[in-house]
Amino acid sequence: SDGVVTSMGVLRHPVLREFIDAKPLVLAMSLTLLPVPWFLHFFGPLWSDTRSQVERDWNVKVRLLATFMGTVLAVIAAAIVRTSRANLMTPLESRLAAFRQHLRTQNPNPTSCDRGPSRAVRIEQVIELYQFFHDMIQMRSAYYLNENIIKPLTSHVQLSYAELAGPSTLQFFVSHYWGTPFTHFVH
């Protein structure tokens, strides 16, 4: 699985995920380049049969250089993996970007408005939001929705969701407890 589902989202172990998602060549390089030189450095003297002090000194220098170079190459390989993954979006980030684009088509120039009855969200907008993210919301509460979907959607424009989606004038006000599953509120 991709992680452990929690009440506030999915918990993923980033280091393990990087190894699982790494390109085979980079993964092989990382796993080979880092431990092998250190293994040779620490256990090389056990099977070394060099006799002269000069040979032993040279052998230590070569092992130290190999250890250092292997470590540097492993760090470079890890940096390449991290850099290539830094530009990838999570599934939720991808969905947020798609929904943000969808909202732009419906309300191309969102602007702020005064709080009150003219800053309402229509039930159609709530249902549309729910349908777009229902597989991610699942049985989670409005607390999850607010922190993981609404705030990321609105943070770049510093507007409320109503202002971003296109505010309406209030006809009916429906209050609800944020701790119940959002799906119960929508249905």
Protein backbone atom coordinates (compact mmCIF):
# COMPACT_ATOMS: atom_id res chain seq x y z
CA SER A 1 0.00 0.00 0.00
CA ASP A 2 1.00 3.65 -0.32
CA GLY A 3 0.77 4.34 3.39
CA VAL A 4 -1.36 4.21 6.48
CA VAL A 5 -4.71 6.01 6.27
CA THR A 6 -5.24 8.29 9.27
CA SER A 7 -7.98 10.72 10.23
CA MET A 8 -5.89 13.60 8.85
CA GLY A 9 -4.63 11.95 5.67
CA VAL A 10 -2.22 9.22 4.63
CA LEU A 11 1.00 8.68 6.56
CA ARG A 12 3.91 7.77 4.30
CA HIS A 13 7.51 7.00 5.15
CA PRO A 14 9.49 9.29 2.78
CA VAL A 15 12.85 7.48 2.94
CA LEU A 16 11.31 4.09 2.23
CA ARG A 17 9.19 5.66 -0.54
CA GLU A 18 12.32 7.14 -2.16
CA PHE A 19 13.97 3.72 -2.25
CA ILE A 20 10.84 2.04 -3.61
CA ASP A 21 10.32 4.71 -6.29
CA ALA A 22 13.99 5.16 -7.19
CA LYS A 23 15.16 4.31 -10.66
CA PRO A 24 16.84 0.87 -10.62
CA LEU A 25 20.24 2.20 -11.72
CA VAL A 26 20.32 4.92 -9.05
CA LEU A 27 19.08 2.49 -6.41
CA ALA A 28 21.75 -0.06 -7.36
CA MET A 29 24.44 2.64 -7.33
CA SER A 30 23.35 3.89 -3.90
CA LEU A 31 23.15 0.45 -2.35
CA THR A 32 26.49 -0.59 -3.85
CA LEU A 33 28.56 2.54 -3.57
CA LEU A 34 27.89 3.36 0.05
CA PRO A 35 28.39 0.08 1.97
CA VAL A 36 31.03 -1.65 -0.16
CA PRO A 37 33.91 0.82 0.33
CA TRP A 38 33.22 1.02 4.06
CA PHE A 39 33.15 -2.78 4.22
CA LEU A 40 36.49 -2.95 2.39
CA HIS A 41 37.98 -0.26 4.59
CA PHE A 42 37.11 -1.90 7.90
CA PHE A 43 37.45 -5.56 6.97
CA GLY A 44 40.21 -5.29 4.35
CA PRO A 45 43.03 -5.60 6.89
CA LEU A 46 41.70 -8.99 8.01
CA TRP A 47 42.62 -10.65 4.71
CA SER A 48 45.47 -8.36 3.70
CA ASP A 49 48.75 -10.25 3.41
CA THR A 50 51.02 -7.33 2.51
CA ARG A 51 54.32 -7.60 4.25
CA SER A 52 56.10 -4.26 4.15
CA GLN A 53 55.10 -1.11 6.05
CA VAL A 54 55.04 0.87 2.78
CA GLU A 55 52.56 -1.59 1.25
CA ARG A 56 50.37 -1.49 4.37
CA ASP A 57 50.42 2.34 4.41
CA TRP A 58 49.59 2.48 0.70
CA ASN A 59 46.80 -0.08 1.20
CA VAL A 60 45.25 2.04 4.00
CA LYS A 61 45.40 5.17 1.81
CA VAL A 62 43.74 3.39 -1.11
CA ARG A 63 41.01 2.02 1.17
CA LEU A 64 40.40 5.47 2.67
CA LEU A 65 40.25 7.03 -0.81
CA ALA A 66 37.86 4.31 -2.02
CA THR A 67 35.69 4.82 1.07
CA PHE A 68 35.61 8.58 0.56
CA MET A 69 34.85 8.30 -3.18
CA GLY A 70 32.16 5.68 -2.62
CA THR A 71 30.52 7.88 0.00
CA VAL A 72 30.67 10.94 -2.27
CA LEU A 73 29.18 9.00 -5.19
CA ALA A 74 26.41 7.62 -2.97
CA VAL A 75 25.59 11.12 -1.72
CA ILE A 76 25.50 12.39 -5.33
CA ALA A 77 23.21 9.51 -6.33
CA ALA A 78 20.91 10.25 -3.37
CA ALA A 79 20.86 13.96 -4.33
CA ILE A 80 19.89 13.03 -7.90
CA VAL A 81 17.01 10.89 -6.61
CA ARG A 82 15.86 13.60 -4.19
CA THR A 83 16.04 16.32 -6.85
CA SER A 84 14.12 14.26 -9.38
CA ARG A 85 11.42 13.55 -6.76
CA ALA A 86 11.21 17.14 -5.52
CA ASN A 87 9.37 18.24 -8.67
CA LEU A 88 6.79 15.45 -8.48
CA MET A 89 3.39 16.23 -7.02
CA THR A 90 1.54 13.94 -4.67
CA PRO A 91 -1.84 12.63 -5.86
CA LEU A 92 -3.57 15.18 -3.62
CA GLU A 93 -1.44 18.05 -4.98
CA SER A 94 -2.26 16.97 -8.54
CA ARG A 95 -5.96 16.84 -7.75
CA LEU A 96 -5.80 20.26 -6.05
CA ALA A 97 -4.12 21.75 -9.13
CA ALA A 98 -6.80 20.25 -11.40
CA PHE A 99 -9.62 21.52 -9.20
CA ARG A 100 -8.01 24.96 -8.95
CA GLN A 101 -7.96 25.06 -12.76
CA HIS A 102 -11.60 23.98 -12.83
CA LEU A 103 -12.52 26.78 -10.43
CA ARG A 104 -10.68 29.28 -12.65
CA THR A 105 -12.94 28.35 -15.55
CA GLN A 106 -16.01 29.02 -13.40
CA ASN A 107 -14.68 32.15 -11.70
CA PRO A 108 -11.72 33.51 -13.73
CA ASN A 109 -11.16 36.60 -11.57
CA PRO A 110 -11.86 35.78 -7.93
CA THR A 111 -12.01 38.81 -5.66
CA SER A 112 -12.59 39.36 -1.99
CA CYS A 113 -15.99 40.39 -0.66
CA ASP A 114 -17.37 41.37 2.71
CA ARG A 115 -18.26 38.63 5.16
CA GLY A 116 -21.92 37.99 5.51
CA PRO A 117 -24.88 36.86 3.41
CA SER A 118 -23.22 37.81 0.11
CA ARG A 119 -20.30 35.43 0.74
CA ALA A 120 -22.08 32.09 0.65
CA VAL A 121 -21.31 28.78 -1.05
CA ARG A 122 -24.12 27.19 -3.06
CA ILE A 123 -25.01 23.57 -2.38
CA GLU A 124 -23.99 22.75 -5.98
CA GLN A 125 -20.48 24.04 -5.20
CA VAL A 126 -20.30 21.91 -2.05
CA ILE A 127 -21.43 18.81 -3.95
CA GLU A 128 -18.97 19.54 -6.77
CA LEU A 129 -16.12 19.84 -4.26
CA TYR A 130 -17.18 16.62 -2.57
CA GLN A 131 -17.48 14.70 -5.85
CA PHE A 132 -14.08 15.89 -7.02
CA PHE A 133 -12.34 14.79 -3.79
CA HIS A 134 -14.68 12.09 -2.43
CA ASP A 135 -12.12 9.28 -2.73
CA MET A 136 -9.65 11.33 -0.70
CA ILE A 137 -12.15 12.63 1.84
CA GLN A 138 -13.72 9.21 2.44
CA MET A 139 -15.28 9.28 5.94
CA ARG A 140 -13.12 12.16 7.17
CA SER A 141 -14.46 15.27 8.83
CA ALA A 142 -14.58 18.89 7.77
CA TYR A 143 -11.42 19.39 9.83
CA TYR A 144 -9.58 17.18 7.33
CA LEU A 145 -11.29 18.92 4.41
CA ASN A 146 -10.30 22.34 5.70
CA GLU A 147 -6.63 21.55 6.41
CA ASN A 148 -5.91 19.33 3.40
CA ILE A 149 -8.16 20.67 0.64
CA ILE A 150 -9.70 24.08 1.36
CA LYS A 151 -6.62 25.81 2.78
CA PRO A 152 -4.27 24.54 0.05
CA LEU A 153 -6.83 25.55 -2.61
CA THR A 154 -7.21 29.07 -1.28
CA SER A 155 -3.78 29.89 0.18
CA HIS A 156 -2.23 31.09 -3.09
CA VAL A 157 -4.93 33.76 -3.55
CA GLN A 158 -5.59 34.51 0.14
CA LEU A 159 -9.35 34.31 -0.36
CA SER A 160 -12.10 32.23 1.21
CA TYR A 161 -13.40 29.18 -0.64
CA ALA A 162 -16.64 31.05 -1.37
CA GLU A 163 -14.69 33.88 -2.99
CA LEU A 164 -12.55 31.46 -5.00
CA ALA A 165 -15.50 29.37 -6.19
CA GLY A 166 -17.71 32.38 -6.82
CA PRO A 167 -19.77 33.72 -3.93
CA SER A 168 -23.54 33.69 -3.88
CA THR A 169 -26.11 35.52 -1.86
CA LEU A 170 -27.41 33.52 1.05
CA GLN A 171 -30.88 31.99 0.74
CA PHE A 172 -30.64 29.39 3.55
CA PHE A 173 -27.90 28.88 6.10
CA VAL A 174 -27.07 25.27 6.93
CA SER A 175 -24.99 24.81 10.05
CA HIS A 176 -23.15 21.59 10.77
CA TYR A 177 -20.67 20.10 13.22
CA TRP A 178 -17.23 19.84 11.66
CA GLY A 179 -16.41 16.62 13.50
CA THR A 180 -18.89 14.43 11.64
CA PRO A 181 -17.88 12.86 8.34
CA PHE A 182 -18.18 15.40 5.55
CA THR A 183 -20.01 12.85 3.42
CA HIS A 184 -22.86 12.84 5.99
CA PHE A 185 -23.16 16.61 5.67
CA VAL A 186 -23.27 16.46 1.86
CA HIS A 187 -25.83 13.66 1.73
